[in-house]
N, C-alpha and C. Protein backbone atom coordinates (compact mmCIF):
# COMPACT_ATOMS: atom_id res chain seq x y z
N MET A 1 -24.97 -32.69 -26.34
CA MET A 1 -24.40 -32.60 -24.89
C MET A 1 -22.95 -32.96 -24.84
N ALA A 2 -22.45 -33.65 -25.51
CA ALA A 2 -20.83 -34.26 -25.39
C ALA A 2 -20.17 -33.10 -25.44
N ALA A 3 -20.39 -32.22 -27.05
CA ALA A 3 -19.91 -31.52 -27.21
C ALA A 3 -19.69 -30.26 -26.45
N ARG A 4 -20.65 -29.78 -25.70
CA ARG A 4 -20.73 -28.87 -24.70
C ARG A 4 -19.91 -29.01 -23.51
N ILE A 5 -19.42 -30.14 -22.98
CA ILE A 5 -19.01 -30.32 -21.82
C ILE A 5 -17.52 -29.86 -21.65
N PRO A 6 -16.86 -29.60 -22.52
CA PRO A 6 -15.95 -28.69 -22.44
C PRO A 6 -15.83 -27.32 -21.96
N THR A 7 -16.83 -26.75 -22.80
CA THR A 7 -17.06 -25.51 -22.48
C THR A 7 -17.73 -25.20 -21.04
N ILE A 8 -18.54 -26.06 -20.70
CA ILE A 8 -18.95 -26.12 -19.33
C ILE A 8 -17.66 -26.37 -18.42
N ALA A 9 -17.11 -26.88 -18.75
CA ALA A 9 -16.04 -27.21 -17.64
C ALA A 9 -14.92 -26.12 -17.64
N ARG A 10 -14.85 -25.26 -18.97
CA ARG A 10 -14.14 -24.20 -18.87
C ARG A 10 -14.78 -22.96 -17.93
N THR A 11 -16.12 -22.98 -18.14
CA THR A 11 -16.95 -22.00 -17.60
C THR A 11 -16.57 -22.02 -16.13
N ALA A 12 -16.93 -23.50 -15.58
CA ALA A 12 -16.66 -23.69 -14.10
C ALA A 12 -15.59 -23.40 -13.24
N THR A 13 -14.16 -23.67 -14.44
CA THR A 13 -13.12 -23.11 -14.32
C THR A 13 -12.82 -21.73 -13.95
N VAL A 14 -13.61 -20.90 -14.97
CA VAL A 14 -13.32 -19.42 -14.71
C VAL A 14 -14.19 -18.94 -13.07
N LEU A 15 -15.09 -19.59 -13.06
CA LEU A 15 -16.20 -19.28 -12.04
C LEU A 15 -15.86 -19.53 -10.55
N SER A 16 -14.91 -20.61 -10.46
CA SER A 16 -14.37 -21.02 -9.17
C SER A 16 -13.02 -20.14 -8.83
N ARG A 17 -12.77 -19.25 -9.77
CA ARG A 17 -11.45 -18.34 -9.13
C ARG A 17 -11.83 -17.34 -7.97
N ASN A 18 -12.92 -16.93 -7.78
CA ASN A 18 -12.98 -15.97 -6.75
C ASN A 18 -14.94 -16.31 -5.89
N PRO A 19 -14.84 -15.74 -4.79
CA PRO A 19 -15.88 -16.05 -4.01
C PRO A 19 -17.35 -15.84 -4.78
N LEU A 20 -17.43 -14.88 -5.52
CA LEU A 20 -18.75 -14.83 -6.39
C LEU A 20 -19.14 -15.72 -7.20
N GLY A 21 -18.04 -16.16 -8.16
CA GLY A 21 -18.11 -17.29 -9.38
C GLY A 21 -18.32 -18.44 -8.58
N LEU A 22 -17.73 -18.80 -7.12
CA LEU A 22 -18.34 -19.87 -6.47
C LEU A 22 -19.54 -20.06 -6.04
N LEU A 23 -20.50 -19.10 -5.49
CA LEU A 23 -21.48 -18.99 -5.40
C LEU A 23 -22.19 -18.95 -6.48
N ALA A 24 -22.02 -18.63 -7.36
CA ALA A 24 -22.89 -18.67 -8.84
C ALA A 24 -22.71 -19.92 -9.49
N LEU A 25 -21.44 -20.72 -9.42
CA LEU A 25 -21.50 -22.26 -9.54
C LEU A 25 -22.67 -23.08 -8.66
N CYS A 26 -22.35 -22.96 -7.81
CA CYS A 26 -23.24 -23.92 -6.50
C CYS A 26 -24.43 -23.66 -6.74
N LEU A 27 -25.17 -22.47 -7.12
CA LEU A 27 -26.38 -22.29 -7.33
C LEU A 27 -26.77 -22.81 -9.01
N VAL A 28 -26.05 -22.79 -9.92
CA VAL A 28 -26.35 -23.18 -10.95
C VAL A 28 -26.35 -24.69 -10.70
N ILE A 29 -25.41 -25.54 -10.20
CA ILE A 29 -25.31 -27.04 -9.98
C ILE A 29 -26.57 -27.63 -9.12
N GLY A 30 -26.83 -26.80 -8.06
CA GLY A 30 -28.01 -27.05 -7.22
C GLY A 30 -29.16 -27.06 -8.03
N GLU A 31 -29.55 -25.99 -8.48
CA GLU A 31 -30.75 -25.74 -9.34
C GLU A 31 -30.76 -26.84 -10.53
N ALA A 32 -29.90 -27.11 -11.40
CA ALA A 32 -29.80 -28.23 -12.13
C ALA A 32 -29.90 -29.62 -11.66
N ILE A 33 -29.54 -29.99 -10.57
CA ILE A 33 -29.59 -31.38 -10.32
C ILE A 33 -31.04 -31.16 -9.72
N ALA A 34 -31.57 -30.33 -9.13
CA ALA A 34 -33.21 -30.18 -8.50
C ALA A 34 -34.09 -30.25 -9.47
N GLY A 35 -33.79 -29.60 -10.71
CA GLY A 35 -34.38 -29.68 -12.15
C GLY A 35 -34.69 -31.03 -12.61
N MET A 36 -33.37 -31.73 -12.71
CA MET A 36 -33.37 -33.37 -13.45
C MET A 36 -34.32 -33.85 -12.63
N PHE A 37 -34.45 -33.80 -11.27
CA PHE A 37 -35.14 -34.76 -10.57
C PHE A 37 -36.56 -34.32 -10.51
N LEU A 38 -37.01 -33.08 -10.79
CA LEU A 38 -38.44 -32.63 -10.94
C LEU A 38 -39.09 -32.68 -12.46
N LEU A 39 -38.09 -32.85 -13.56
CA LEU A 39 -38.39 -32.90 -14.83
C LEU A 39 -38.94 -34.30 -15.18
N ARG A 40 -38.01 -35.40 -14.45
CA ARG A 40 -38.37 -36.90 -14.70
C ARG A 40 -39.77 -37.36 -14.10
N PRO A 41 -40.59 -37.80 -15.11
CA PRO A 41 -41.91 -38.02 -14.92
C PRO A 41 -41.89 -39.60 -14.07
N GLY A 42 -42.85 -39.41 -13.07
CA GLY A 42 -42.91 -40.70 -11.81
C GLY A 42 -41.49 -40.76 -10.84
N ALA A 43 -40.53 -40.02 -11.24
CA ALA A 43 -39.69 -39.97 -10.06
C ALA A 43 -40.01 -39.84 -8.68
N LEU A 44 -40.56 -38.94 -8.44
CA LEU A 44 -41.27 -38.28 -7.07
C LEU A 44 -42.31 -38.07 -7.09
N LEU A 45 -43.17 -38.82 -6.03
CA LEU A 45 -44.29 -38.53 -5.62
C LEU A 45 -44.81 -37.64 -4.06
N GLY A 46 -45.68 -37.03 -4.09
CA GLY A 46 -46.15 -36.41 -2.86
C GLY A 46 -45.20 -35.42 -2.21
N VAL A 47 -44.90 -36.06 -1.09
CA VAL A 47 -43.99 -35.05 -0.12
C VAL A 47 -42.85 -34.91 -0.65
N GLU A 48 -41.86 -35.51 -1.30
CA GLU A 48 -40.83 -35.27 -2.00
C GLU A 48 -40.37 -34.51 -3.17
N ARG A 49 -41.81 -34.60 -3.92
CA ARG A 49 -42.09 -33.39 -5.05
C ARG A 49 -42.08 -31.97 -4.58
N VAL A 50 -42.78 -31.86 -2.80
CA VAL A 50 -43.07 -30.84 -2.47
C VAL A 50 -41.85 -30.50 -1.88
N LEU A 51 -40.92 -31.13 -0.92
CA LEU A 51 -39.97 -30.94 -0.43
C LEU A 51 -38.57 -30.20 -1.81
N LEU A 52 -38.55 -31.07 -2.89
CA LEU A 52 -37.94 -30.58 -3.78
C LEU A 52 -38.15 -29.21 -4.59
N CYS A 53 -39.44 -28.75 -4.48
CA CYS A 53 -39.79 -27.69 -5.09
C CYS A 53 -39.72 -26.38 -4.00
N SER A 54 -39.68 -26.83 -2.59
CA SER A 54 -39.47 -25.87 -1.75
C SER A 54 -37.94 -25.48 -1.97
N PHE A 55 -36.99 -26.76 -2.30
CA PHE A 55 -35.72 -26.20 -2.13
C PHE A 55 -35.31 -25.55 -3.32
N VAL A 56 -35.84 -26.05 -4.28
CA VAL A 56 -35.79 -24.83 -5.72
C VAL A 56 -36.04 -23.74 -5.41
N VAL A 57 -37.04 -23.34 -4.73
CA VAL A 57 -37.55 -21.55 -4.21
C VAL A 57 -36.63 -21.19 -3.33
N ALA A 58 -36.14 -21.92 -2.35
CA ALA A 58 -35.52 -21.26 -1.23
C ALA A 58 -33.90 -21.19 -1.29
N TYR A 59 -33.27 -22.27 -2.07
CA TYR A 59 -31.89 -22.28 -2.36
C TYR A 59 -31.50 -21.09 -3.32
N PRO A 60 -32.10 -20.70 -4.20
CA PRO A 60 -31.78 -19.06 -4.67
C PRO A 60 -31.63 -18.02 -3.40
N LEU A 61 -32.63 -18.01 -2.84
CA LEU A 61 -32.92 -16.74 -1.96
C LEU A 61 -31.59 -17.37 -0.79
N CYS A 62 -31.60 -18.03 -0.45
CA CYS A 62 -30.28 -18.22 0.04
C CYS A 62 -28.95 -17.88 -0.06
N VAL A 63 -28.37 -18.19 -1.45
CA VAL A 63 -27.58 -17.71 -2.16
C VAL A 63 -27.73 -16.52 -2.37
N VAL A 64 -28.72 -15.82 -2.65
CA VAL A 64 -28.48 -14.16 -2.80
C VAL A 64 -28.42 -13.68 -1.68
N ALA A 65 -29.26 -14.04 -0.57
CA ALA A 65 -28.33 -13.55 0.99
C ALA A 65 -27.13 -13.31 1.01
N ALA A 66 -26.48 -14.77 0.80
CA ALA A 66 -24.82 -14.89 1.02
C ALA A 66 -24.30 -14.01 0.26
N ILE A 67 -24.68 -13.46 -1.00
CA ILE A 67 -23.93 -12.71 -1.93
C ILE A 67 -24.09 -11.03 -1.51
N TYR A 68 -25.24 -11.22 -0.97
CA TYR A 68 -25.61 -9.59 -0.06
C TYR A 68 -24.54 -9.51 1.07
N ARG A 69 -24.74 -10.52 2.00
CA ARG A 69 -23.73 -10.23 2.85
C ARG A 69 -22.19 -10.28 2.61
N LEU A 70 -21.97 -11.00 1.72
CA LEU A 70 -20.61 -10.85 1.24
C LEU A 70 -20.10 -9.43 0.43
N VAL A 71 -21.35 -8.84 -0.03
CA VAL A 71 -20.87 -7.73 -0.80
C VAL A 71 -21.12 -6.56 0.13
N SER A 72 -22.17 -6.61 1.48
CA SER A 72 -22.18 -5.47 1.95
C SER A 72 -20.95 -5.57 2.91
N ARG A 73 -20.77 -6.85 3.57
CA ARG A 73 -19.59 -6.50 4.57
C ARG A 73 -18.25 -7.26 4.48
N HIS A 74 -18.07 -7.94 3.29
CA HIS A 74 -16.61 -8.33 2.89
C HIS A 74 -16.32 -7.97 1.70
N HIS A 75 -16.46 -6.96 1.08
CA HIS A 75 -16.46 -6.79 -0.29
C HIS A 75 -15.05 -6.68 -0.80
N THR A 76 -13.85 -6.68 0.30
CA THR A 76 -12.38 -6.70 -0.13
C THR A 76 -12.03 -7.94 -0.37
N LYS A 77 -13.00 -9.25 0.16
CA LYS A 77 -12.81 -10.53 -0.03
C LYS A 77 -13.23 -11.30 -1.55
N LEU A 78 -13.94 -10.42 -2.41
CA LEU A 78 -14.47 -10.90 -3.57
C LEU A 78 -13.71 -11.01 -4.63
N TYR A 79 -12.67 -10.71 -4.42
CA TYR A 79 -11.35 -10.66 -5.78
C TYR A 79 -10.69 -11.78 -5.77
N ALA A 80 -9.71 -12.33 -6.70
CA ALA A 80 -9.21 -13.16 -6.12
C ALA A 80 -7.65 -12.20 -6.78
N PRO A 81 -6.46 -12.45 -6.45
CA PRO A 81 -5.17 -11.76 -7.24
C PRO A 81 -5.21 -11.68 -8.82
N ALA A 82 -5.64 -12.99 -9.38
CA ALA A 82 -5.74 -12.93 -10.79
C ALA A 82 -6.88 -11.73 -11.30
N ASP A 83 -7.65 -11.41 -10.53
CA ASP A 83 -8.85 -10.57 -11.14
C ASP A 83 -7.86 -9.11 -10.98
N PHE A 84 -6.72 -9.09 -10.79
CA PHE A 84 -5.96 -7.43 -10.64
C PHE A 84 -5.09 -7.52 -11.79
N ARG A 85 -4.67 -6.46 -12.27
CA ARG A 85 -3.94 -6.25 -13.30
C ARG A 85 -2.25 -6.65 -12.63
N ASP A 86 -2.21 -6.31 -11.35
CA ASP A 86 -0.84 -6.41 -10.87
C ASP A 86 -1.39 -7.46 -9.55
N GLU A 87 -0.50 -8.16 -8.92
CA GLU A 87 -0.63 -8.43 -7.56
C GLU A 87 -0.42 -7.67 -6.50
N ARG A 88 0.18 -6.46 -6.63
CA ARG A 88 0.37 -5.72 -5.34
C ARG A 88 -0.74 -4.61 -4.99
N CYS A 89 -1.62 -4.33 -6.25
CA CYS A 89 -2.75 -3.82 -6.32
C CYS A 89 -3.73 -4.87 -4.99
N PHE A 90 -3.66 -5.92 -5.15
CA PHE A 90 -4.71 -7.05 -4.25
C PHE A 90 -3.94 -6.90 -3.13
N LEU A 91 -2.61 -6.73 -2.86
CA LEU A 91 -2.03 -7.00 -1.57
C LEU A 91 -2.61 -5.20 -0.97
N GLU A 92 -2.70 -4.51 -1.85
CA GLU A 92 -3.02 -3.10 -1.32
C GLU A 92 -4.18 -2.98 -0.82
N VAL A 93 -5.37 -3.77 -1.24
CA VAL A 93 -6.22 -3.87 -0.91
C VAL A 93 -6.74 -4.84 0.35
N LEU A 94 -5.86 -5.52 0.71
CA LEU A 94 -5.90 -6.33 1.55
C LEU A 94 -5.34 -5.35 2.80
N ARG A 95 -4.20 -4.27 2.86
CA ARG A 95 -3.89 -3.63 3.23
C ARG A 95 -4.93 -2.41 4.06
N LEU A 96 -5.62 -2.01 2.95
CA LEU A 96 -6.53 -1.05 3.27
C LEU A 96 -7.91 -1.47 4.01
N ALA A 97 -8.26 -2.92 4.18
CA ALA A 97 -8.91 -4.09 4.53
C ALA A 97 -8.65 -3.97 6.22
N ASP A 98 -7.54 -4.06 6.46
CA ASP A 98 -6.88 -4.25 7.72
C ASP A 98 -6.40 -3.08 8.40
N PRO A 99 -7.34 -2.53 9.38
CA PRO A 99 -7.28 -0.98 9.89
C PRO A 99 -6.08 -0.94 10.75
N ASN A 100 -5.37 -2.39 11.41
CA ASN A 100 -4.54 -2.49 12.52
C ASN A 100 -2.99 -2.35 11.50
N GLN A 101 -2.98 -2.53 10.09
CA GLN A 101 -1.65 -2.91 9.51
C GLN A 101 -1.49 -1.35 9.25
N THR A 102 0.12 -1.11 9.40
CA THR A 102 0.53 0.32 9.14
C THR A 102 1.30 0.49 8.01
N GLN A 103 2.29 -0.57 7.62
CA GLN A 103 2.78 -0.44 6.24
C GLN A 103 2.06 -0.93 5.31
N PRO A 104 2.01 -0.47 3.88
CA PRO A 104 1.47 -0.87 2.96
C PRO A 104 2.35 -2.09 2.57
N LEU A 105 1.59 -3.29 2.15
CA LEU A 105 2.36 -4.70 1.79
C LEU A 105 2.86 -4.54 0.41
N ALA A 106 2.33 -3.71 -0.10
CA ALA A 106 2.99 -3.99 -1.80
C ALA A 106 4.23 -3.14 -2.17
N SER A 107 4.44 -2.35 -1.10
CA SER A 107 5.84 -1.48 -1.52
C SER A 107 6.91 -1.83 -0.35
N THR A 108 7.59 -2.95 -0.56
CA THR A 108 8.51 -3.16 0.65
C THR A 108 9.71 -3.80 -0.05
N HIS A 109 10.60 -3.57 0.21
CA HIS A 109 11.75 -4.31 -0.42
C HIS A 109 13.02 -4.89 0.88
N THR A 110 13.59 -5.66 0.50
CA THR A 110 14.28 -6.28 1.60
C THR A 110 15.74 -5.97 1.48
N ILE A 111 16.29 -5.41 2.54
CA ILE A 111 17.64 -5.46 3.05
C ILE A 111 18.07 -6.61 3.54
N ALA A 112 19.33 -7.23 3.11
CA ALA A 112 19.91 -8.46 3.45
C ALA A 112 20.99 -8.39 4.01
N GLY A 113 21.16 -8.90 5.30
CA GLY A 113 22.44 -9.14 6.01
C GLY A 113 22.89 -10.30 6.20
N ASP A 114 24.13 -10.48 6.87
CA ASP A 114 24.81 -11.51 6.99
C ASP A 114 23.94 -12.85 7.72
N ASP A 115 23.45 -12.45 8.88
CA ASP A 115 22.64 -13.44 9.26
C ASP A 115 21.10 -12.98 9.80
N PHE A 116 20.47 -11.81 8.66
CA PHE A 116 19.31 -11.49 9.28
C PHE A 116 18.59 -11.12 7.72
N ALA A 117 17.49 -10.76 8.13
CA ALA A 117 16.72 -10.09 6.50
C ALA A 117 15.84 -8.91 7.32
N LEU A 118 15.96 -7.81 6.82
CA LEU A 118 15.32 -6.82 7.45
C LEU A 118 14.00 -6.09 6.47
N ILE A 119 13.05 -6.46 6.59
CA ILE A 119 12.02 -5.72 5.65
C ILE A 119 11.83 -4.07 5.97
N GLU A 120 11.99 -3.16 5.12
CA GLU A 120 11.97 -1.89 5.50
C GLU A 120 10.78 -1.37 4.22
N ALA A 121 9.76 -0.51 4.86
CA ALA A 121 8.83 -0.13 4.10
C ALA A 121 9.25 0.95 3.39
N ALA A 122 8.89 0.95 1.99
CA ALA A 122 9.36 2.53 1.30
C ALA A 122 7.76 3.16 1.62
N PRO A 123 8.12 4.62 1.28
CA PRO A 123 6.88 5.30 1.24
C PRO A 123 5.67 5.30 0.34
N ALA A 124 4.63 5.61 0.52
CA ALA A 124 3.48 5.36 -0.28
C ALA A 124 3.98 6.12 -1.48
N ALA A 125 3.20 5.97 -3.07
CA ALA A 125 3.46 6.59 -3.95
C ALA A 125 3.10 8.01 -3.83
N ASN A 126 1.82 8.13 -3.06
CA ASN A 126 1.62 9.51 -3.24
C ASN A 126 1.70 10.26 -1.80
N CYS A 127 2.62 10.25 -1.24
CA CYS A 127 3.09 10.75 0.08
C CYS A 127 4.66 11.34 -0.56
N GLY A 128 4.79 12.27 0.24
CA GLY A 128 6.11 12.86 0.22
C GLY A 128 7.33 11.94 1.01
N PRO A 129 8.63 11.98 0.76
CA PRO A 129 9.42 11.28 1.25
C PRO A 129 9.56 11.20 2.78
N ALA A 130 9.79 10.19 3.43
CA ALA A 130 9.83 10.34 4.80
C ALA A 130 10.79 10.94 5.62
N LEU A 131 10.50 11.47 6.70
CA LEU A 131 11.49 12.56 7.41
C LEU A 131 12.13 11.36 8.23
N THR A 132 13.42 11.85 8.39
CA THR A 132 14.32 11.02 9.43
C THR A 132 14.06 11.36 10.84
N PRO A 133 13.31 10.50 11.59
CA PRO A 133 13.25 10.84 12.97
C PRO A 133 14.28 11.47 14.03
N GLY A 134 13.87 12.57 14.58
CA GLY A 134 14.71 13.51 15.45
C GLY A 134 14.43 14.82 15.57
N VAL A 135 15.31 15.76 16.18
CA VAL A 135 15.18 16.91 16.31
C VAL A 135 15.65 18.05 15.22
N TYR A 136 15.08 18.61 14.76
CA TYR A 136 15.11 19.93 13.58
C TYR A 136 14.84 21.33 14.23
N LEU A 137 15.49 22.05 14.15
CA LEU A 137 15.93 23.40 14.58
C LEU A 137 15.44 24.22 13.17
N ARG A 138 14.61 25.10 13.40
CA ARG A 138 14.58 26.72 12.84
C ARG A 138 14.41 27.66 13.47
N GLY A 139 15.50 28.24 13.39
CA GLY A 139 15.83 29.93 14.27
C GLY A 139 15.65 29.02 15.84
N ASP A 140 14.91 29.79 16.62
CA ASP A 140 15.09 29.53 17.82
C ASP A 140 14.09 28.20 18.20
N ASP A 141 13.15 27.74 17.60
CA ASP A 141 12.26 26.87 17.71
C ASP A 141 12.75 25.27 17.29
N ALA A 142 12.18 24.40 18.19
CA ALA A 142 12.86 23.09 17.42
C ALA A 142 11.42 22.26 17.64
N TYR A 143 12.00 21.43 16.70
CA TYR A 143 10.67 20.33 16.18
C TYR A 143 11.24 19.12 16.55
N TYR A 144 10.57 18.19 16.63
CA TYR A 144 10.58 16.64 16.96
C TYR A 144 9.86 15.78 16.08
N VAL A 145 10.43 14.81 15.07
CA VAL A 145 9.81 14.09 14.22
C VAL A 145 10.10 12.46 14.94
N THR A 146 8.82 11.91 15.04
CA THR A 146 8.86 10.54 15.97
C THR A 146 9.17 9.83 15.04
N HIS A 147 9.38 8.35 15.22
CA HIS A 147 9.51 7.33 14.49
C HIS A 147 8.48 6.87 13.62
N GLY A 148 7.16 7.77 14.18
CA GLY A 148 6.02 7.02 13.35
C GLY A 148 5.43 8.35 12.60
N GLN A 149 6.51 8.99 12.21
CA GLN A 149 6.49 10.29 11.31
C GLN A 149 5.21 11.48 11.89
N GLN A 150 5.25 11.52 13.34
CA GLN A 150 4.42 12.66 13.66
C GLN A 150 5.47 13.86 13.85
N VAL A 151 4.46 14.84 13.97
CA VAL A 151 5.66 16.05 13.92
C VAL A 151 4.88 16.98 15.23
N TYR A 152 6.28 17.14 16.30
CA TYR A 152 5.65 18.11 17.40
C TYR A 152 6.74 19.20 17.53
N LEU A 153 6.08 20.36 17.90
CA LEU A 153 6.81 21.70 18.37
C LEU A 153 7.19 21.37 19.57
N ILE A 154 8.50 21.36 19.99
CA ILE A 154 9.00 21.17 21.49
C ILE A 154 9.28 22.20 22.21
N ARG A 155 10.06 23.01 21.30
CA ARG A 155 10.47 24.27 22.12
C ARG A 155 10.48 25.36 21.30
N ARG A 156 9.77 26.55 21.89
CA ARG A 156 9.47 28.12 21.53
C ARG A 156 9.19 28.89 22.51
N PRO A 157 10.39 29.72 22.38
CA PRO A 157 10.85 30.50 23.58
C PRO A 157 9.38 31.48 24.05
N ALA A 158 8.57 31.92 23.25
CA ALA A 158 7.46 32.69 23.49
C ALA A 158 6.03 31.86 23.90
N GLU A 159 6.04 30.25 23.55
CA GLU A 159 5.08 29.64 23.64
C GLU A 159 5.32 28.59 25.14
N LEU A 160 4.39 28.60 25.86
CA LEU A 160 4.18 27.72 27.09
C LEU A 160 3.80 25.91 27.20
N HIS A 161 2.60 25.84 26.38
CA HIS A 161 2.27 24.48 26.27
C HIS A 161 2.60 23.82 25.06
N LEU A 162 3.73 23.42 25.62
CA LEU A 162 4.34 22.52 24.57
C LEU A 162 4.82 21.13 25.19
N PRO A 163 4.78 20.26 24.36
CA PRO A 163 5.02 19.99 23.14
C PRO A 163 3.72 19.88 22.54
N ARG A 164 3.50 19.88 21.32
CA ARG A 164 2.31 20.50 20.51
C ARG A 164 2.78 19.38 19.16
N GLU A 165 1.25 18.88 18.92
CA GLU A 165 1.56 18.52 17.34
C GLU A 165 1.47 19.33 16.35
N VAL A 166 1.97 19.42 15.50
CA VAL A 166 1.88 20.22 13.93
C VAL A 166 1.64 19.51 12.76
N ARG A 167 1.04 19.92 11.93
CA ARG A 167 0.82 19.03 10.55
C ARG A 167 1.93 18.78 9.96
N ALA A 168 2.77 19.53 10.05
CA ALA A 168 4.35 19.35 8.98
C ALA A 168 5.06 20.16 9.69
N LEU A 169 6.51 19.54 8.84
CA LEU A 169 7.72 20.30 9.42
C LEU A 169 7.74 21.41 8.56
N PRO A 170 8.07 22.98 8.94
CA PRO A 170 8.21 24.13 8.09
C PRO A 170 9.24 24.13 7.44
N GLY A 171 9.30 24.97 6.37
CA GLY A 171 10.82 24.68 5.38
C GLY A 171 11.61 25.45 6.16
N GLY A 172 12.56 25.22 5.70
CA GLY A 172 13.94 25.85 6.26
C GLY A 172 14.79 25.13 7.50
N CYS A 173 14.05 23.81 7.92
CA CYS A 173 14.44 22.95 9.23
C CYS A 173 15.87 22.55 8.98
N ARG A 174 16.47 22.31 9.82
CA ARG A 174 17.92 21.38 9.65
C ARG A 174 18.12 20.51 10.71
N LEU A 175 18.34 19.58 10.49
CA LEU A 175 18.20 18.31 11.30
C LEU A 175 19.78 18.62 12.40
N LEU A 176 19.34 18.25 13.43
CA LEU A 176 20.23 18.18 14.78
C LEU A 176 20.61 17.20 14.91
N PRO A 177 22.14 16.58 14.83
CA PRO A 177 22.84 15.54 15.08
C PRO A 177 22.41 15.18 16.60
N ARG A 178 22.22 13.80 17.15
CA ARG A 178 22.10 13.54 18.42
C ARG A 178 22.82 13.86 19.46
N GLN A 179 24.26 14.06 18.98
CA GLN A 179 25.18 13.99 19.97
C GLN A 179 25.35 15.78 20.24
N ASP A 180 24.51 16.54 19.50
CA ASP A 180 24.34 17.81 20.04
C ASP A 180 22.91 17.98 20.63
N TRP A 181 22.39 17.04 20.96
CA TRP A 181 21.07 17.67 21.79
C TRP A 181 21.36 17.71 23.42
N ASP A 182 21.05 18.91 23.67
CA ASP A 182 21.18 18.93 25.35
C ASP A 182 20.46 18.41 26.20
N ARG A 183 20.75 18.70 27.60
CA ARG A 183 19.80 17.84 28.57
C ARG A 183 18.19 18.31 28.25
N GLU A 184 17.77 19.00 27.75
CA GLU A 184 16.22 19.90 27.96
C GLU A 184 15.69 18.88 26.40
N LEU A 185 16.28 19.04 25.70
CA LEU A 185 16.11 18.43 24.38
C LEU A 185 15.88 16.77 24.50
N GLN A 186 16.90 16.23 25.17
CA GLN A 186 16.47 14.60 25.47
C GLN A 186 15.24 14.72 26.33
N THR A 187 14.72 15.67 27.42
CA THR A 187 13.80 15.08 28.25
C THR A 187 12.42 15.54 27.54
N LEU A 188 12.52 16.46 26.72
CA LEU A 188 11.39 16.61 25.86
C LEU A 188 10.91 15.57 24.96
N THR A 189 11.84 15.31 24.09
CA THR A 189 11.57 14.38 23.14
C THR A 189 11.49 12.86 24.00
N ALA A 190 11.90 12.74 25.16
CA ALA A 190 11.16 11.27 25.67
C ALA A 190 9.90 11.69 26.24
N ALA A 191 9.80 12.83 26.50
CA ALA A 191 8.21 13.23 26.71
C ALA A 191 7.32 13.06 25.62
N THR A 192 7.60 13.62 24.84
CA THR A 192 6.97 13.41 23.39
C THR A 192 6.78 12.07 23.08
N ASP A 193 7.70 11.24 22.97
CA ASP A 193 7.25 9.87 22.85
C ASP A 193 6.35 9.23 23.13
N GLN A 194 6.31 9.67 24.60
CA GLN A 194 5.26 8.81 25.72
C GLN A 194 3.85 9.56 25.12
N LEU A 195 3.99 10.96 24.80
CA LEU A 195 2.38 11.43 24.39
C LEU A 195 2.26 10.74 22.99
N ALA A 196 3.15 10.78 22.15
CA ALA A 196 3.04 10.06 20.82
C ALA A 196 2.20 8.47 21.08
N ARG A 197 2.77 7.94 21.79
CA ARG A 197 2.30 6.77 22.34
C ARG A 197 0.71 6.37 22.71
N HIS A 198 0.33 7.72 23.53
CA HIS A 198 -0.82 7.52 23.75
C HIS A 198 -2.19 8.04 23.14
């Protein structure tokens, strides 16, 4: 038995690295302790034996219920950062689990200033390059890209119901410098920003 103690200790250390392993470790320890008391002859009598037998039957069911709840409702919390090849993948799983988070946690880089540090999110690897927010022209059509990367058609001579969100910026558009925006474009972009916020 003394030779097995280092092996048991290593197994316990490995199991304690994530929530499922901890539940398994608790199950094994609880059942082993209860089993030791049940196997001792004459240690428990009557009601104590019934209570301990009830524990031996009910405890695994409780652990299985806890595992079911973890797997069905909190599956992103089952793994430790060491379970991933790269910790950035762990951060990406956390980002996907939180729908309120807009920027990918794993793809940021720091821009340092004299008395500040600004975190700027890099575009995801499976996305195209981020568009510069502003007004883009293509012929007589004007498109507006918001800071949230939404694209709106804001001016087209033949169309009345504008601004209207479009899927993407068409090819051949050129960015109009802000100092060249006329009053109508300034009004349209302000209205589009309010529309994009709602």
